Amino acid sequence: MAVGGVDVRVENQLVRFVPQSPVDHDAVVSQLSGQKNGNIVIKALDKPRATIVIDEAGRIIVHGTHRVEAARAAAKELLLRLGLDDSGLQTELGPVIASFNLDKGVKVEAMNKQFTGGRSVYDERLGCAIIQDTRHNLKLYIWANGKCVASDARHPNMVAMSAVFWKTQLKDNDLLL
């Protein structure tokens, strides 16, 4: 998705599906070799490639996909393998992880400051600046080479709007190389 000269790529979309009847943890373990871990069961699928988590309420959380359609296919595959009905499956969208490139270097070590629209801190351990973007309600990780990763986003369009906004902010504050 390209917006304002910034190409945003969705890396992961967390999606939760609520089936008509809760998925039984024991059935996933015994029939599909799921792994029980506390109050959840984890099952990795090869086709479609995804990691499925069955939460304590029997809901299906799909991790590792970047499209809702692929996540839905994974949830349906799990239900069908268990011999359960996949009709009436309700979808709940979770956070998006996306990436984009500013196509310029960034003075990340100089970004310990307050901006209009968020606060930035330099993280020495990660070697990047982290912006808590209050305007778009997400978090941006920006590396010196211009590579950016957004987390906690509610929609890919919010990441795209944030990318355009912060590219302008960085330019206006003389932080782009």
N, C-alpha and C. Protein backbone atom coordinates (compact mmCIF):
# COMPACT_ATOMS: atom_id res chain seq x y z
N MET A 1 0.84 -1.16 0.00
CA MET A 1 0.00 0.00 0.00
C MET A 1 0.90 1.23 0.00
N ALA A 2 0.79 2.07 -1.00
CA ALA A 2 1.61 3.28 -1.10
C ALA A 2 0.73 4.50 -0.86
N VAL A 3 1.16 5.33 0.08
CA VAL A 3 0.45 6.56 0.40
C VAL A 3 1.49 7.66 0.58
N GLY A 4 1.28 8.79 -0.09
CA GLY A 4 2.18 9.94 0.07
C GLY A 4 3.64 9.62 -0.17
N GLY A 5 3.93 8.73 -1.12
CA GLY A 5 5.32 8.39 -1.42
C GLY A 5 5.94 7.39 -0.45
N VAL A 6 5.16 6.82 0.46
CA VAL A 6 5.66 5.83 1.41
C VAL A 6 4.91 4.53 1.17
N ASP A 7 5.67 3.46 0.92
CA ASP A 7 5.09 2.15 0.66
C ASP A 7 5.05 1.36 1.97
N VAL A 8 3.85 1.07 2.46
CA VAL A 8 3.66 0.36 3.73
C VAL A 8 3.35 -1.10 3.44
N ARG A 9 4.06 -1.97 4.15
CA ARG A 9 3.87 -3.42 3.99
C ARG A 9 3.39 -4.00 5.32
N VAL A 10 2.23 -4.65 5.31
CA VAL A 10 1.73 -5.31 6.50
C VAL A 10 2.54 -6.59 6.70
N GLU A 11 3.17 -6.70 7.86
CA GLU A 11 3.98 -7.88 8.17
C GLU A 11 3.16 -8.93 8.92
N ASN A 12 2.24 -8.46 9.76
CA ASN A 12 1.43 -9.37 10.55
C ASN A 12 0.14 -8.67 10.95
N GLN A 13 -0.95 -9.40 10.87
CA GLN A 13 -2.25 -8.90 11.32
C GLN A 13 -2.78 -9.94 12.30
N LEU A 14 -2.92 -9.55 13.54
CA LEU A 14 -3.46 -10.46 14.53
C LEU A 14 -4.98 -10.46 14.41
N VAL A 15 -5.56 -11.65 14.28
CA VAL A 15 -7.00 -11.78 14.09
C VAL A 15 -7.52 -12.83 15.06
N ARG A 16 -8.65 -12.52 15.69
CA ARG A 16 -9.29 -13.49 16.58
C ARG A 16 -10.64 -13.85 15.99
N PHE A 17 -10.93 -15.14 16.03
CA PHE A 17 -12.20 -15.64 15.52
C PHE A 17 -12.97 -16.27 16.67
N VAL A 18 -14.24 -15.98 16.71
CA VAL A 18 -15.10 -16.53 17.76
C VAL A 18 -16.07 -17.50 17.08
N PRO A 19 -15.88 -18.81 17.30
CA PRO A 19 -16.80 -19.79 16.72
C PRO A 19 -18.10 -19.84 17.51
N GLN A 20 -19.13 -20.44 16.90
CA GLN A 20 -20.42 -20.56 17.59
C GLN A 20 -20.29 -21.32 18.90
N SER A 21 -19.48 -22.37 18.90
CA SER A 21 -19.19 -23.13 20.13
C SER A 21 -17.70 -23.04 20.40
N PRO A 22 -17.30 -22.84 21.66
CA PRO A 22 -15.87 -22.74 21.97
C PRO A 22 -15.10 -23.99 21.54
N VAL A 23 -13.87 -23.78 21.08
CA VAL A 23 -13.01 -24.89 20.67
C VAL A 23 -12.47 -25.57 21.93
N ASP A 24 -12.57 -26.89 21.97
CA ASP A 24 -12.12 -27.68 23.11
C ASP A 24 -10.60 -27.87 23.06
N HIS A 25 -9.93 -27.44 24.12
CA HIS A 25 -8.47 -27.56 24.20
C HIS A 25 -8.02 -29.01 24.04
N ASP A 26 -8.67 -29.91 24.76
CA ASP A 26 -8.27 -31.32 24.73
C ASP A 26 -8.39 -31.93 23.34
N ALA A 27 -9.41 -31.51 22.59
CA ALA A 27 -9.58 -32.02 21.23
C ALA A 27 -8.43 -31.56 20.33
N VAL A 28 -8.00 -30.30 20.47
CA VAL A 28 -6.88 -29.80 19.66
C VAL A 28 -5.60 -30.55 20.01
N VAL A 29 -5.40 -30.84 21.30
CA VAL A 29 -4.20 -31.58 21.72
C VAL A 29 -4.25 -33.01 21.22
N SER A 30 -5.37 -33.71 21.43
CA SER A 30 -5.43 -35.13 21.09
C SER A 30 -5.57 -35.39 19.59
N GLN A 31 -6.36 -34.57 18.89
CA GLN A 31 -6.61 -34.84 17.47
C GLN A 31 -5.62 -34.17 16.53
N LEU A 32 -5.06 -33.02 16.95
CA LEU A 32 -4.20 -32.26 16.03
C LEU A 32 -2.79 -32.04 16.57
N SER A 33 -2.45 -32.69 17.67
CA SER A 33 -1.12 -32.55 18.28
C SER A 33 -0.81 -31.11 18.69
N GLY A 34 -1.83 -30.40 19.16
CA GLY A 34 -1.61 -29.06 19.70
C GLY A 34 -0.81 -29.14 20.99
N GLN A 35 -0.17 -28.06 21.35
CA GLN A 35 0.65 -28.01 22.55
C GLN A 35 -0.03 -27.15 23.61
N LYS A 36 -0.34 -27.76 24.76
CA LYS A 36 -0.97 -27.02 25.85
C LYS A 36 0.11 -26.24 26.60
N ASN A 37 -0.22 -24.98 26.89
CA ASN A 37 0.71 -24.12 27.62
C ASN A 37 -0.12 -23.25 28.56
N GLY A 38 -0.29 -23.70 29.78
CA GLY A 38 -1.13 -22.96 30.73
C GLY A 38 -2.58 -23.01 30.30
N ASN A 39 -3.19 -21.83 30.12
CA ASN A 39 -4.61 -21.74 29.76
C ASN A 39 -4.85 -21.68 28.26
N ILE A 40 -3.80 -21.89 27.46
CA ILE A 40 -3.95 -21.82 26.01
C ILE A 40 -3.42 -23.10 25.36
N VAL A 41 -3.82 -23.28 24.10
CA VAL A 41 -3.27 -24.37 23.28
C VAL A 41 -2.74 -23.74 22.00
N ILE A 42 -1.56 -24.17 21.57
CA ILE A 42 -0.91 -23.63 20.37
C ILE A 42 -0.82 -24.73 19.32
N LYS A 43 -1.16 -24.38 18.09
CA LYS A 43 -1.06 -25.31 16.97
C LYS A 43 -0.50 -24.58 15.77
N ALA A 44 0.59 -25.07 15.23
CA ALA A 44 1.18 -24.50 14.02
C ALA A 44 0.58 -25.21 12.81
N LEU A 45 0.16 -24.44 11.83
CA LEU A 45 -0.35 -24.99 10.58
C LEU A 45 0.65 -24.74 9.47
N ASP A 46 0.76 -25.69 8.55
CA ASP A 46 1.63 -25.52 7.39
C ASP A 46 0.88 -24.89 6.23
N LYS A 47 -0.37 -25.32 6.04
CA LYS A 47 -1.18 -24.80 4.92
C LYS A 47 -2.56 -24.48 5.42
N PRO A 48 -2.94 -23.24 5.49
CA PRO A 48 -2.11 -22.06 5.30
C PRO A 48 -1.13 -21.91 6.47
N ARG A 49 0.00 -21.28 6.20
CA ARG A 49 1.03 -21.14 7.21
C ARG A 49 0.59 -20.11 8.25
N ALA A 50 0.43 -20.57 9.48
CA ALA A 50 -0.02 -19.70 10.56
C ALA A 50 0.18 -20.41 11.89
N THR A 51 0.25 -19.63 12.94
CA THR A 51 0.25 -20.18 14.29
C THR A 51 -1.10 -19.85 14.90
N ILE A 52 -1.74 -20.87 15.42
CA ILE A 52 -3.06 -20.70 16.00
C ILE A 52 -2.96 -20.87 17.51
N VAL A 53 -3.60 -19.96 18.21
CA VAL A 53 -3.68 -20.03 19.66
C VAL A 53 -5.16 -20.14 20.02
N ILE A 54 -5.48 -21.14 20.80
CA ILE A 54 -6.84 -21.28 21.32
C ILE A 54 -6.79 -20.73 22.75
N ASP A 55 -7.51 -19.62 22.98
CA ASP A 55 -7.45 -19.00 24.30
C ASP A 55 -8.33 -19.73 25.30
N GLU A 56 -8.33 -19.25 26.55
CA GLU A 56 -9.06 -19.93 27.62
C GLU A 56 -10.57 -19.96 27.39
N ALA A 57 -11.08 -19.07 26.54
CA ALA A 57 -12.52 -19.03 26.23
C ALA A 57 -12.86 -19.86 24.99
N GLY A 58 -11.87 -20.54 24.40
CA GLY A 58 -12.12 -21.36 23.21
C GLY A 58 -12.18 -20.58 21.92
N ARG A 59 -11.66 -19.33 21.94
CA ARG A 59 -11.60 -18.51 20.73
C ARG A 59 -10.31 -18.82 20.00
N ILE A 60 -10.30 -18.56 18.70
CA ILE A 60 -9.16 -18.88 17.84
C ILE A 60 -8.43 -17.59 17.50
N ILE A 61 -7.16 -17.51 17.89
CA ILE A 61 -6.33 -16.35 17.57
C ILE A 61 -5.31 -16.81 16.54
N VAL A 62 -5.26 -16.11 15.42
CA VAL A 62 -4.36 -16.49 14.34
C VAL A 62 -3.23 -15.46 14.27
N HIS A 63 -2.01 -15.97 14.31
CA HIS A 63 -0.81 -15.14 14.28
C HIS A 63 0.06 -15.59 13.11
N GLY A 64 0.72 -14.65 12.47
CA GLY A 64 1.67 -15.00 11.42
C GLY A 64 1.13 -14.80 10.02
N THR A 65 -0.03 -14.18 9.89
CA THR A 65 -0.56 -13.88 8.57
C THR A 65 -0.57 -12.37 8.37
N HIS A 66 -0.67 -11.94 7.15
CA HIS A 66 -0.74 -10.50 6.90
C HIS A 66 -2.04 -10.11 6.21
N ARG A 67 -2.89 -11.08 5.98
CA ARG A 67 -4.21 -10.80 5.39
C ARG A 67 -5.28 -11.50 6.21
N VAL A 68 -6.40 -10.83 6.39
CA VAL A 68 -7.51 -11.40 7.15
C VAL A 68 -8.02 -12.66 6.48
N GLU A 69 -8.02 -12.69 5.14
CA GLU A 69 -8.51 -13.86 4.41
C GLU A 69 -7.66 -15.10 4.72
N ALA A 70 -6.36 -14.91 4.83
CA ALA A 70 -5.47 -16.03 5.15
C ALA A 70 -5.71 -16.50 6.59
N ALA A 71 -5.93 -15.56 7.49
CA ALA A 71 -6.21 -15.91 8.88
C ALA A 71 -7.53 -16.69 8.98
N ARG A 72 -8.54 -16.24 8.25
CA ARG A 72 -9.84 -16.93 8.24
C ARG A 72 -9.68 -18.35 7.69
N ALA A 73 -8.88 -18.51 6.64
CA ALA A 73 -8.64 -19.84 6.08
C ALA A 73 -7.98 -20.76 7.11
N ALA A 74 -7.06 -20.21 7.90
CA ALA A 74 -6.39 -21.00 8.94
C ALA A 74 -7.39 -21.41 10.03
N ALA A 75 -8.24 -20.48 10.44
CA ALA A 75 -9.24 -20.80 11.47
C ALA A 75 -10.21 -21.86 10.96
N LYS A 76 -10.66 -21.72 9.72
CA LYS A 76 -11.58 -22.70 9.14
C LYS A 76 -10.90 -24.07 9.03
N GLU A 77 -9.64 -24.08 8.64
CA GLU A 77 -8.89 -25.33 8.53
C GLU A 77 -8.85 -26.04 9.89
N LEU A 78 -8.59 -25.31 10.94
CA LEU A 78 -8.55 -25.88 12.28
C LEU A 78 -9.92 -26.48 12.63
N LEU A 79 -10.98 -25.71 12.43
CA LEU A 79 -12.32 -26.19 12.76
C LEU A 79 -12.69 -27.43 11.94
N LEU A 80 -12.39 -27.41 10.65
CA LEU A 80 -12.72 -28.56 9.80
C LEU A 80 -11.94 -29.80 10.20
N ARG A 81 -10.67 -29.64 10.56
CA ARG A 81 -9.87 -30.79 11.01
C ARG A 81 -10.44 -31.39 12.30
N LEU A 82 -11.09 -30.56 13.10
CA LEU A 82 -11.72 -31.03 14.34
C LEU A 82 -13.13 -31.55 14.10
N GLY A 83 -13.62 -31.43 12.86
CA GLY A 83 -14.97 -31.86 12.54
C GLY A 83 -16.04 -30.90 13.04
N LEU A 84 -15.67 -29.63 13.21
CA LEU A 84 -16.60 -28.63 13.72
C LEU A 84 -17.13 -27.75 12.59
N ASP A 85 -18.28 -27.18 12.82
CA ASP A 85 -18.94 -26.29 11.85
C ASP A 85 -18.21 -24.94 11.84
N ASP A 86 -17.91 -24.45 10.66
CA ASP A 86 -17.22 -23.17 10.55
C ASP A 86 -18.17 -22.02 10.21
N SER A 87 -19.46 -22.30 10.15
CA SER A 87 -20.40 -21.22 9.84
C SER A 87 -20.59 -20.35 11.09
N GLY A 88 -20.88 -19.10 10.87
CA GLY A 88 -21.11 -18.17 11.97
C GLY A 88 -19.85 -17.72 12.68
N LEU A 89 -18.70 -17.94 12.05
CA LEU A 89 -17.42 -17.55 12.64
C LEU A 89 -17.31 -16.03 12.65
N GLN A 90 -17.22 -15.42 13.83
CA GLN A 90 -17.11 -13.97 13.95
C GLN A 90 -15.66 -13.55 13.98
N THR A 91 -15.35 -12.43 13.31
CA THR A 91 -13.98 -11.94 13.18
C THR A 91 -13.76 -10.71 14.05
N GLU A 92 -12.66 -10.70 14.80
CA GLU A 92 -12.24 -9.54 15.58
C GLU A 92 -10.81 -9.21 15.19
N LEU A 93 -10.58 -8.00 14.71
CA LEU A 93 -9.24 -7.61 14.28
C LEU A 93 -8.42 -7.10 15.46
N GLY A 94 -7.18 -7.56 15.51
CA GLY A 94 -6.24 -7.11 16.53
C GLY A 94 -5.22 -6.18 15.90
N PRO A 95 -4.12 -5.95 16.60
CA PRO A 95 -3.12 -5.00 16.10
C PRO A 95 -2.40 -5.47 14.85
N VAL A 96 -1.93 -4.48 14.10
CA VAL A 96 -1.18 -4.69 12.87
C VAL A 96 0.29 -4.36 13.14
N ILE A 97 1.17 -5.17 12.58
CA ILE A 97 2.59 -4.83 12.54
C ILE A 97 2.92 -4.60 11.07
N ALA A 98 3.48 -3.44 10.78
CA ALA A 98 3.76 -3.08 9.38
C ALA A 98 5.14 -2.43 9.31
N SER A 99 5.68 -2.39 8.10
CA SER A 99 6.99 -1.76 7.91
C SER A 99 6.95 -0.83 6.71
N PHE A 100 7.87 0.10 6.70
CA PHE A 100 8.03 1.00 5.56
C PHE A 100 9.44 1.56 5.62
N ASN A 101 9.86 2.20 4.54
CA ASN A 101 11.19 2.77 4.46
C ASN A 101 11.07 4.26 4.12
N LEU A 102 11.80 5.07 4.85
CA LEU A 102 11.78 6.51 4.59
C LEU A 102 12.66 6.91 3.41
N ASP A 103 13.43 5.97 2.87
CA ASP A 103 14.32 6.19 1.73
C ASP A 103 15.41 7.23 1.99
N LYS A 104 15.65 7.55 3.23
CA LYS A 104 16.73 8.45 3.64
C LYS A 104 17.22 7.99 5.00
N GLY A 105 18.46 8.31 5.30
CA GLY A 105 18.97 8.03 6.63
C GLY A 105 18.31 8.96 7.65
N VAL A 106 18.35 8.54 8.91
CA VAL A 106 17.72 9.31 9.97
C VAL A 106 18.71 9.47 11.12
N LYS A 107 18.76 10.66 11.70
CA LYS A 107 19.60 10.93 12.87
C LYS A 107 18.87 10.44 14.12
N VAL A 108 18.83 9.13 14.30
CA VAL A 108 18.02 8.55 15.36
C VAL A 108 18.52 8.89 16.76
N GLU A 109 19.83 9.04 16.92
CA GLU A 109 20.37 9.34 18.25
C GLU A 109 20.01 10.75 18.70
N ALA A 110 19.59 11.59 17.79
CA ALA A 110 19.20 12.96 18.12
C ALA A 110 17.69 13.07 18.35
N MET A 111 17.02 11.95 18.43
CA MET A 111 15.56 11.99 18.49
C MET A 111 14.98 11.88 19.89
N ASN A 112 15.76 12.12 20.92
CA ASN A 112 15.22 12.14 22.28
C ASN A 112 14.53 13.47 22.50
N LYS A 113 13.31 13.57 22.01
CA LYS A 113 12.61 14.85 22.12
C LYS A 113 11.11 14.67 21.99
N GLN A 114 10.42 15.73 22.34
CA GLN A 114 8.97 15.79 22.21
C GLN A 114 8.64 16.40 20.86
N PHE A 115 7.74 15.76 20.15
CA PHE A 115 7.25 16.27 18.87
C PHE A 115 5.77 16.58 19.02
N THR A 116 5.25 17.39 18.12
CA THR A 116 3.80 17.52 18.02
C THR A 116 3.30 16.19 17.49
N GLY A 117 2.52 15.49 18.27
CA GLY A 117 1.99 14.20 17.83
C GLY A 117 2.66 13.01 18.46
N GLY A 118 3.66 13.23 19.33
CA GLY A 118 4.28 12.09 19.98
C GLY A 118 5.60 12.42 20.63
N ARG A 119 6.14 11.43 21.32
CA ARG A 119 7.42 11.57 22.01
C ARG A 119 8.36 10.51 21.48
N SER A 120 9.62 10.90 21.29
CA SER A 120 10.63 9.99 20.76
C SER A 120 11.74 9.78 21.79
N VAL A 121 12.22 8.54 21.87
CA VAL A 121 13.39 8.22 22.69
C VAL A 121 14.30 7.31 21.88
N TYR A 122 15.60 7.47 22.10
CA TYR A 122 16.56 6.60 21.43
C TYR A 122 16.80 5.39 22.32
N ASP A 123 16.68 4.20 21.76
CA ASP A 123 16.89 2.95 22.48
C ASP A 123 18.25 2.39 22.05
N GLU A 124 19.23 2.48 22.94
CA GLU A 124 20.59 2.02 22.61
C GLU A 124 20.63 0.52 22.36
N ARG A 125 19.84 -0.24 23.09
CA ARG A 125 19.84 -1.70 22.95
C ARG A 125 19.39 -2.11 21.55
N LEU A 126 18.34 -1.47 21.05
CA LEU A 126 17.83 -1.79 19.71
C LEU A 126 18.53 -0.99 18.61
N GLY A 127 19.19 0.11 18.99
CA GLY A 127 19.85 0.96 17.99
C GLY A 127 18.88 1.72 17.12
N CYS A 128 17.74 2.07 17.70
CA CYS A 128 16.73 2.80 16.95
C CYS A 128 16.02 3.81 17.84
N ALA A 129 15.32 4.71 17.20
CA ALA A 129 14.46 5.64 17.93
C ALA A 129 13.07 5.02 18.00
N ILE A 130 12.42 5.21 19.12
CA ILE A 130 11.06 4.71 19.29
C ILE A 130 10.15 5.91 19.52
N ILE A 131 9.15 6.03 18.67
CA ILE A 131 8.19 7.13 18.78
C ILE A 131 6.86 6.55 19.25
N GLN A 132 6.38 7.07 20.36
CA GLN A 132 5.02 6.76 20.79
C GLN A 132 4.12 7.76 20.08
N ASP A 133 3.51 7.33 18.99
CA ASP A 133 2.71 8.20 18.13
C ASP A 133 1.30 8.32 18.70
N THR A 134 1.06 9.41 19.42
CA THR A 134 -0.24 9.63 20.04
C THR A 134 -1.29 10.08 19.03
N ARG A 135 -0.83 10.67 17.96
CA ARG A 135 -1.75 11.14 16.92
C ARG A 135 -2.44 9.99 16.19
N HIS A 136 -1.66 8.91 15.91
CA HIS A 136 -2.18 7.77 15.16
C HIS A 136 -2.36 6.52 16.03
N ASN A 137 -2.05 6.67 17.32
CA ASN A 137 -2.24 5.60 18.30
C ASN A 137 -1.48 4.32 17.93
N LEU A 138 -0.16 4.47 17.73
CA LEU A 138 0.70 3.33 17.43
C LEU A 138 2.12 3.66 17.88
N LYS A 139 3.00 2.70 17.73
CA LYS A 139 4.40 2.88 18.10
C LYS A 139 5.26 2.66 16.87
N LEU A 140 6.22 3.57 16.65
CA LEU A 140 7.14 3.46 15.51
C LEU A 140 8.57 3.20 16.00
N TYR A 141 9.23 2.28 15.34
CA TYR A 141 10.64 2.00 15.57
C TYR A 141 11.36 2.46 14.31
N ILE A 142 12.29 3.42 14.45
CA ILE A 142 12.97 3.99 13.29
C ILE A 142 14.47 3.77 13.43
N TRP A 143 15.06 3.13 12.43
CA TRP A 143 16.50 2.87 12.43
C TRP A 143 17.22 3.93 11.59
N ALA A 144 18.51 4.04 11.79
CA ALA A 144 19.33 5.06 11.11
C ALA A 144 19.30 4.93 9.59
N ASN A 145 19.07 3.73 9.07
CA ASN A 145 19.03 3.54 7.61
C ASN A 145 17.67 3.90 7.00
N GLY A 146 16.73 4.37 7.84
CA GLY A 146 15.41 4.77 7.35
C GLY A 146 14.36 3.69 7.40
N LYS A 147 14.74 2.49 7.80
CA LYS A 147 13.77 1.39 7.94
C LYS A 147 12.91 1.65 9.18
N CYS A 148 11.60 1.46 9.04
CA CYS A 148 10.66 1.70 10.13
C CYS A 148 9.72 0.52 10.30
N VAL A 149 9.39 0.23 11.54
CA VAL A 149 8.41 -0.79 11.86
C VAL A 149 7.38 -0.15 12.78
N ALA A 150 6.12 -0.35 12.46
CA ALA A 150 5.02 0.14 13.29
C ALA A 150 4.39 -1.03 14.01
N SER A 151 4.13 -0.85 15.30
CA SER A 151 3.42 -1.88 16.06
C SER A 151 2.21 -1.25 16.75
N ASP A 152 1.34 -2.10 17.21
CA ASP A 152 0.13 -1.68 17.93
C ASP A 152 -0.83 -0.85 17.08
N ALA A 153 -0.70 -0.92 15.78
CA ALA A 153 -1.60 -0.17 14.89
C ALA A 153 -2.94 -0.89 14.79
N ARG A 154 -4.00 -0.15 14.59
CA ARG A 154 -5.33 -0.74 14.47
C ARG A 154 -5.68 -1.03 13.01
N HIS A 155 -5.00 -0.38 12.07
CA HIS A 155 -5.33 -0.59 10.66
C HIS A 155 -4.12 -0.16 9.82
N PRO A 156 -3.87 -0.83 8.68
CA PRO A 156 -2.76 -0.44 7.81
C PRO A 156 -2.83 1.01 7.34
N ASN A 157 -4.03 1.54 7.16
CA ASN A 157 -4.15 2.94 6.74
C ASN A 157 -3.61 3.90 7.80
N MET A 158 -3.75 3.54 9.07
CA MET A 158 -3.20 4.38 10.14
C MET A 158 -1.67 4.39 10.07
N VAL A 159 -1.09 3.26 9.72
CA VAL A 159 0.37 3.19 9.57
C VAL A 159 0.80 4.08 8.42
N ALA A 160 0.07 4.03 7.32
CA ALA A 160 0.40 4.85 6.15
C ALA A 160 0.31 6.34 6.49
N MET A 161 -0.75 6.73 7.20
CA MET A 161 -0.89 8.14 7.58
C MET A 161 0.22 8.55 8.54
N SER A 162 0.57 7.66 9.47
CA SER A 162 1.65 7.93 10.41
C SER A 162 2.98 8.09 9.67
N ALA A 163 3.22 7.22 8.69
CA ALA A 163 4.48 7.27 7.92
C ALA A 163 4.64 8.61 7.22
N VAL A 164 3.58 9.08 6.59
CA VAL A 164 3.62 10.37 5.89
C VAL A 164 3.83 11.50 6.89
N PHE A 165 3.10 11.47 7.99
CA PHE A 165 3.20 12.51 9.02
C PHE A 165 4.62 12.59 9.59
N TRP A 166 5.18 11.41 9.98
CA TRP A 166 6.50 11.42 10.62
C TRP A 166 7.62 11.72 9.64
N LYS A 167 7.46 11.35 8.40
CA LYS A 167 8.47 11.72 7.40
C LYS A 167 8.56 13.25 7.32
N THR A 168 7.40 13.90 7.34
CA THR A 168 7.37 15.37 7.32
C THR A 168 7.96 15.95 8.61
N GLN A 169 7.59 15.37 9.75
CA GLN A 169 8.12 15.84 11.04
C GLN A 169 9.65 15.74 11.09
N LEU A 170 10.18 14.61 10.64
CA LEU A 170 11.62 14.40 10.66
C LEU A 170 12.32 15.38 9.72
N LYS A 171 11.73 15.61 8.57
CA LYS A 171 12.30 16.57 7.62
C LYS A 171 12.28 17.97 8.21
N ASP A 172 11.15 18.38 8.78
CA ASP A 172 11.01 19.72 9.36
C ASP A 172 11.93 19.95 10.54
N ASN A 173 12.30 18.89 11.25
CA ASN A 173 13.20 18.99 12.41
C ASN A 173 14.65 18.66 12.05
N ASP A 174 14.95 18.64 10.73
CA ASP A 174 16.31 18.39 10.23
C ASP A 174 16.91 17.09 10.78
N LEU A 175 16.10 16.04 10.78
CA LEU A 175 16.57 14.75 11.27
C LEU A 175 16.75 13.72 10.16
N LEU A 176 16.46 14.10 8.91
CA LEU A 176 16.70 13.21 7.78
C LEU A 176 18.06 13.57 7.17
N LEU A 177 18.78 12.57 6.72
CA LEU A 177 20.09 12.80 6.10
C LEU A 177 19.97 13.00 4.60
